[in-house]
N, C-alpha and C. Protein backbone atom coordinates (compact mmCIF):
# COMPACT_ATOMS: atom_id res chain seq x y z
N UNK A 1 65.29 -8.79 75.25
CA UNK A 1 65.25 -8.38 76.64
C UNK A 1 66.33 -9.06 77.46
N UNK A 2 66.73 -10.26 77.07
CA UNK A 2 67.77 -10.97 77.81
C UNK A 2 69.10 -10.22 77.72
N UNK A 3 69.39 -9.66 76.55
CA UNK A 3 70.66 -8.96 76.38
C UNK A 3 70.74 -7.68 77.19
N UNK A 4 69.59 -7.12 77.55
CA UNK A 4 69.56 -5.87 78.30
C UNK A 4 69.73 -6.09 79.80
N UNK A 5 69.60 -7.32 80.23
CA UNK A 5 69.71 -7.67 81.64
C UNK A 5 70.98 -8.50 81.83
N UNK A 6 71.98 -7.94 82.48
CA UNK A 6 73.28 -8.59 82.62
C UNK A 6 73.17 -9.97 83.28
N UNK A 7 72.36 -10.08 84.31
CA UNK A 7 72.22 -11.37 84.98
C UNK A 7 71.60 -12.42 84.06
N UNK A 8 70.54 -12.04 83.36
CA UNK A 8 69.90 -12.98 82.44
C UNK A 8 70.84 -13.36 81.30
N UNK A 9 71.58 -12.39 80.79
CA UNK A 9 72.49 -12.67 79.68
C UNK A 9 73.61 -13.60 80.13
N UNK A 10 74.17 -13.37 81.30
CA UNK A 10 75.20 -14.26 81.82
C UNK A 10 74.65 -15.66 82.08
N UNK A 11 73.40 -15.73 82.52
CA UNK A 11 72.74 -17.03 82.72
C UNK A 11 72.57 -17.74 81.38
N UNK A 12 72.20 -16.99 80.35
CA UNK A 12 72.06 -17.53 78.99
C UNK A 12 73.39 -18.12 78.53
N UNK A 13 74.48 -17.37 78.71
CA UNK A 13 75.80 -17.85 78.31
C UNK A 13 76.21 -19.08 79.12
N UNK A 14 75.87 -19.10 80.39
CA UNK A 14 76.17 -20.24 81.24
C UNK A 14 75.42 -21.49 80.76
N UNK A 15 74.19 -21.31 80.35
CA UNK A 15 73.41 -22.44 79.83
C UNK A 15 74.00 -22.97 78.53
N UNK A 16 74.54 -22.06 77.72
CA UNK A 16 75.21 -22.52 76.50
C UNK A 16 76.45 -23.33 76.86
N UNK A 17 77.18 -22.92 77.90
CA UNK A 17 78.33 -23.70 78.38
C UNK A 17 77.91 -25.10 78.78
N UNK A 18 76.81 -25.19 79.52
CA UNK A 18 76.31 -26.49 79.96
C UNK A 18 75.89 -27.35 78.78
N UNK A 19 75.23 -26.75 77.83
CA UNK A 19 74.81 -27.48 76.64
C UNK A 19 76.03 -27.98 75.86
N UNK A 20 77.05 -27.14 75.77
CA UNK A 20 78.27 -27.54 75.07
C UNK A 20 78.96 -28.70 75.79
N UNK A 21 79.01 -28.66 77.11
CA UNK A 21 79.60 -29.75 77.89
C UNK A 21 78.85 -31.06 77.64
N UNK A 22 77.53 -30.98 77.60
CA UNK A 22 76.70 -32.14 77.31
C UNK A 22 77.03 -32.70 75.93
N UNK A 23 77.15 -31.81 74.94
CA UNK A 23 77.47 -32.24 73.58
C UNK A 23 78.86 -32.86 73.51
N UNK A 24 79.82 -32.22 74.16
CA UNK A 24 81.20 -32.73 74.13
C UNK A 24 81.29 -34.14 74.69
N UNK A 25 80.53 -34.44 75.73
CA UNK A 25 80.55 -35.79 76.31
C UNK A 25 80.05 -36.83 75.31
N UNK A 26 79.28 -36.40 74.36
CA UNK A 26 78.69 -37.29 73.37
C UNK A 26 79.35 -37.15 72.00
N UNK A 27 80.48 -36.44 71.97
CA UNK A 27 81.23 -36.21 70.74
C UNK A 27 80.39 -35.54 69.66
N UNK A 28 79.60 -34.58 70.09
CA UNK A 28 78.75 -33.78 69.19
C UNK A 28 79.28 -32.36 69.18
N UNK A 29 79.46 -31.81 67.99
CA UNK A 29 79.93 -30.43 67.87
C UNK A 29 78.72 -29.49 67.96
N UNK A 30 78.76 -28.59 68.91
CA UNK A 30 77.68 -27.61 69.06
C UNK A 30 78.04 -26.35 68.28
N UNK A 31 77.18 -25.95 67.39
CA UNK A 31 77.33 -24.70 66.65
C UNK A 31 76.12 -23.84 66.95
N UNK A 32 76.36 -22.66 67.47
CA UNK A 32 75.27 -21.75 67.84
C UNK A 32 75.10 -20.75 66.71
N UNK A 33 73.87 -20.61 66.24
CA UNK A 33 73.55 -19.70 65.14
C UNK A 33 72.42 -18.76 65.58
N UNK A 34 72.80 -17.62 66.15
CA UNK A 34 71.75 -16.67 66.57
C UNK A 34 71.06 -16.05 65.35
N UNK A 35 69.77 -16.08 65.39
CA UNK A 35 68.98 -15.46 64.31
C UNK A 35 68.66 -14.02 64.69
N UNK A 36 68.73 -13.12 63.71
CA UNK A 36 68.37 -11.73 63.99
C UNK A 36 66.86 -11.56 64.04
N UNK A 37 66.43 -10.41 64.52
CA UNK A 37 65.02 -10.03 64.36
C UNK A 37 64.83 -9.77 62.87
N UNK A 38 63.73 -10.18 62.33
CA UNK A 38 63.56 -10.11 60.88
C UNK A 38 62.72 -8.94 60.38
N UNK A 39 62.32 -8.04 61.27
CA UNK A 39 61.56 -6.89 60.78
C UNK A 39 62.50 -6.00 59.95
N UNK A 40 61.91 -5.15 59.14
CA UNK A 40 62.68 -4.33 58.21
C UNK A 40 63.70 -3.43 58.92
N UNK A 41 63.29 -2.81 60.02
CA UNK A 41 64.19 -1.93 60.75
C UNK A 41 65.41 -2.70 61.27
N UNK A 42 65.15 -3.83 61.91
CA UNK A 42 66.24 -4.63 62.47
C UNK A 42 67.20 -5.09 61.38
N UNK A 43 66.65 -5.61 60.29
CA UNK A 43 67.52 -6.10 59.22
C UNK A 43 68.31 -4.97 58.57
N UNK A 44 67.79 -3.77 58.60
CA UNK A 44 68.47 -2.63 57.99
C UNK A 44 69.43 -1.93 58.95
N UNK A 45 69.13 -1.94 60.24
CA UNK A 45 69.88 -1.10 61.17
C UNK A 45 70.55 -1.86 62.31
N UNK A 46 69.81 -2.62 63.09
CA UNK A 46 70.35 -3.14 64.36
C UNK A 46 70.90 -4.56 64.32
N UNK A 47 70.36 -5.42 63.47
CA UNK A 47 70.70 -6.85 63.52
C UNK A 47 72.19 -7.10 63.31
N UNK A 48 72.80 -6.34 62.45
CA UNK A 48 74.24 -6.50 62.18
C UNK A 48 75.04 -6.41 63.48
N UNK A 49 74.75 -5.42 64.28
CA UNK A 49 75.51 -5.17 65.50
C UNK A 49 75.14 -6.14 66.62
N UNK A 50 73.86 -6.45 66.71
CA UNK A 50 73.42 -7.37 67.76
C UNK A 50 73.98 -8.76 67.51
N UNK A 51 73.89 -9.25 66.29
CA UNK A 51 74.41 -10.58 65.99
C UNK A 51 75.92 -10.65 66.14
N UNK A 52 76.61 -9.60 65.72
CA UNK A 52 78.06 -9.54 65.86
C UNK A 52 78.44 -9.61 67.35
N UNK A 53 77.74 -8.84 68.17
CA UNK A 53 77.99 -8.83 69.62
C UNK A 53 77.73 -10.21 70.21
N UNK A 54 76.58 -10.80 69.88
CA UNK A 54 76.25 -12.12 70.41
C UNK A 54 77.31 -13.15 70.07
N UNK A 55 77.71 -13.20 68.81
CA UNK A 55 78.72 -14.18 68.42
C UNK A 55 80.06 -13.91 69.10
N UNK A 56 80.41 -12.65 69.26
CA UNK A 56 81.67 -12.33 69.94
C UNK A 56 81.63 -12.83 71.39
N UNK A 57 80.52 -12.58 72.09
CA UNK A 57 80.41 -13.02 73.48
C UNK A 57 80.37 -14.54 73.59
N UNK A 58 79.69 -15.17 72.68
CA UNK A 58 79.61 -16.64 72.68
C UNK A 58 80.98 -17.24 72.38
N UNK A 59 81.68 -16.66 71.43
CA UNK A 59 83.01 -17.14 71.06
C UNK A 59 84.01 -16.94 72.20
N UNK A 60 83.86 -15.85 72.96
CA UNK A 60 84.74 -15.62 74.12
C UNK A 60 84.63 -16.76 75.13
N UNK A 61 83.48 -17.42 75.15
CA UNK A 61 83.27 -18.55 76.07
C UNK A 61 83.86 -19.85 75.52
N UNK A 62 84.49 -19.76 74.34
CA UNK A 62 85.08 -20.95 73.73
C UNK A 62 84.08 -21.77 72.95
N UNK A 63 82.94 -21.19 72.64
CA UNK A 63 81.89 -21.89 71.90
C UNK A 63 81.93 -21.48 70.43
N UNK A 64 81.46 -22.34 69.57
CA UNK A 64 81.45 -22.06 68.13
C UNK A 64 80.16 -21.34 67.79
N UNK A 65 80.29 -20.20 67.13
CA UNK A 65 79.13 -19.38 66.79
C UNK A 65 79.26 -18.90 65.35
N UNK A 66 78.18 -19.04 64.61
CA UNK A 66 78.16 -18.56 63.22
C UNK A 66 77.17 -17.41 63.12
N UNK A 67 77.65 -16.27 62.67
CA UNK A 67 76.78 -15.11 62.46
C UNK A 67 76.10 -15.25 61.11
N UNK A 68 74.83 -15.55 61.12
CA UNK A 68 74.07 -15.77 59.89
C UNK A 68 73.61 -14.47 59.24
N UNK A 69 73.68 -13.37 59.99
CA UNK A 69 73.19 -12.09 59.47
C UNK A 69 73.81 -11.70 58.12
N UNK A 70 75.14 -11.75 57.94
CA UNK A 70 75.69 -11.32 56.65
C UNK A 70 75.13 -12.08 55.46
N UNK A 71 74.93 -13.38 55.61
CA UNK A 71 74.37 -14.16 54.50
C UNK A 71 72.94 -13.75 54.20
N UNK A 72 72.16 -13.53 55.24
CA UNK A 72 70.77 -13.11 55.03
C UNK A 72 70.72 -11.71 54.41
N UNK A 73 71.60 -10.85 54.82
CA UNK A 73 71.64 -9.49 54.27
C UNK A 73 72.01 -9.54 52.79
N UNK A 74 72.98 -10.37 52.43
CA UNK A 74 73.39 -10.50 51.02
C UNK A 74 72.27 -11.06 50.15
N UNK A 75 71.35 -11.78 50.77
CA UNK A 75 70.25 -12.38 50.01
C UNK A 75 69.31 -11.30 49.45
N UNK A 76 69.28 -10.14 50.08
CA UNK A 76 68.42 -9.02 49.64
C UNK A 76 66.97 -9.47 49.41
N UNK A 77 66.43 -10.19 50.39
CA UNK A 77 65.05 -10.67 50.27
C UNK A 77 64.07 -9.55 50.60
N UNK A 78 62.93 -9.62 49.98
CA UNK A 78 61.87 -8.66 50.28
C UNK A 78 61.30 -8.94 51.67
N UNK A 79 61.26 -10.22 52.02
CA UNK A 79 60.77 -10.64 53.33
C UNK A 79 61.58 -11.84 53.79
N UNK A 80 61.78 -11.93 55.09
CA UNK A 80 62.54 -13.04 55.66
C UNK A 80 61.64 -13.99 56.45
N UNK A 81 60.41 -13.57 56.69
CA UNK A 81 59.51 -14.36 57.53
C UNK A 81 58.36 -14.96 56.73
N UNK A 82 57.70 -15.94 57.36
CA UNK A 82 56.59 -16.63 56.71
C UNK A 82 55.48 -15.66 56.30
N UNK A 83 55.14 -14.74 57.18
CA UNK A 83 54.18 -13.68 56.87
C UNK A 83 54.29 -12.61 57.96
N UNK A 84 53.51 -11.56 57.82
CA UNK A 84 53.66 -10.42 58.73
C UNK A 84 53.30 -10.74 60.19
N UNK A 85 52.52 -11.78 60.41
CA UNK A 85 52.15 -12.12 61.78
C UNK A 85 52.88 -13.36 62.30
N UNK A 86 53.75 -13.94 61.47
CA UNK A 86 54.50 -15.13 61.85
C UNK A 86 55.98 -14.86 61.63
N UNK A 87 56.73 -14.72 62.70
CA UNK A 87 58.13 -14.34 62.61
C UNK A 87 59.06 -15.52 62.31
N UNK A 88 58.50 -16.68 61.94
CA UNK A 88 59.35 -17.81 61.55
C UNK A 88 59.96 -17.52 60.18
N UNK A 89 61.17 -17.98 60.00
CA UNK A 89 61.88 -17.75 58.75
C UNK A 89 61.17 -18.46 57.59
N UNK A 90 61.12 -17.79 56.43
CA UNK A 90 60.42 -18.38 55.28
C UNK A 90 61.34 -19.33 54.51
N UNK A 91 60.78 -20.00 53.50
CA UNK A 91 61.51 -21.03 52.75
C UNK A 91 62.73 -20.47 52.03
N UNK A 92 62.59 -19.30 51.43
CA UNK A 92 63.71 -18.71 50.69
C UNK A 92 64.86 -18.37 51.63
N UNK A 93 64.55 -17.72 52.73
CA UNK A 93 65.59 -17.39 53.72
C UNK A 93 66.19 -18.67 54.31
N UNK A 94 65.37 -19.68 54.53
CA UNK A 94 65.86 -20.96 55.05
C UNK A 94 66.90 -21.58 54.12
N UNK A 95 66.68 -21.46 52.81
CA UNK A 95 67.65 -21.98 51.85
C UNK A 95 68.98 -21.26 51.98
N UNK A 96 68.96 -19.95 52.14
CA UNK A 96 70.20 -19.20 52.33
C UNK A 96 70.91 -19.64 53.62
N UNK A 97 70.15 -19.84 54.65
CA UNK A 97 70.74 -20.29 55.92
C UNK A 97 71.35 -21.68 55.74
N UNK A 98 70.62 -22.59 55.12
CA UNK A 98 71.11 -23.96 54.93
C UNK A 98 72.38 -23.98 54.08
N UNK A 99 72.40 -23.23 52.99
CA UNK A 99 73.58 -23.19 52.12
C UNK A 99 74.78 -22.60 52.85
N UNK A 100 74.54 -21.53 53.62
CA UNK A 100 75.62 -20.90 54.37
C UNK A 100 76.14 -21.82 55.46
N UNK A 101 75.24 -22.48 56.14
CA UNK A 101 75.62 -23.41 57.20
C UNK A 101 76.43 -24.57 56.63
N UNK A 102 76.01 -25.11 55.52
CA UNK A 102 76.74 -26.22 54.91
C UNK A 102 78.16 -25.78 54.50
N UNK A 103 78.28 -24.61 53.92
CA UNK A 103 79.61 -24.09 53.56
C UNK A 103 80.48 -23.92 54.79
N UNK A 104 79.91 -23.37 55.85
CA UNK A 104 80.64 -23.17 57.11
C UNK A 104 81.13 -24.51 57.67
N UNK A 105 80.26 -25.50 57.67
CA UNK A 105 80.63 -26.81 58.19
C UNK A 105 81.71 -27.48 57.34
N UNK A 106 81.64 -27.30 56.02
CA UNK A 106 82.69 -27.83 55.14
C UNK A 106 84.03 -27.16 55.43
N UNK A 107 84.02 -25.83 55.55
CA UNK A 107 85.25 -25.10 55.83
C UNK A 107 85.89 -25.52 57.15
N UNK A 108 85.06 -25.86 58.13
CA UNK A 108 85.55 -26.29 59.44
C UNK A 108 85.93 -27.76 59.48
N UNK A 109 85.67 -28.47 58.38
CA UNK A 109 85.97 -29.91 58.34
C UNK A 109 85.01 -30.73 59.17
N UNK A 110 83.81 -30.20 59.41
CA UNK A 110 82.83 -30.90 60.25
C UNK A 110 81.91 -31.81 59.46
N UNK A 111 81.89 -31.63 58.14
CA UNK A 111 81.14 -32.54 57.26
C UNK A 111 82.01 -32.84 56.05
N UNK A 112 81.77 -33.97 55.50
CA UNK A 112 82.50 -34.40 54.28
C UNK A 112 81.48 -34.75 53.22
N UNK A 113 81.90 -34.63 51.98
CA UNK A 113 81.00 -34.97 50.86
C UNK A 113 80.73 -36.44 50.80
């Protein structure tokens, strides 16, 4: 719903700017990783475009954004959530996210072995 309301979405982006400024003062790298909706329809149809749009808008603000959707899609999981009534990401999907995030951080030189 935030993305559908221009004022709320701009406020969201502004808050990310503030959070990034806070992190920069403390020499902390902020990486934003928007999670898609995990229902079957979203993962099959809309999440690709929504996550791409979010990361593009976040990156336009000079913030670092990683689109996790492609990695989750490549995982070809039967389910991405803990259960049908709990939309939290499950252990298998979490492993894909963690592995992808670690690779991203290595490529950016943000972590060392």
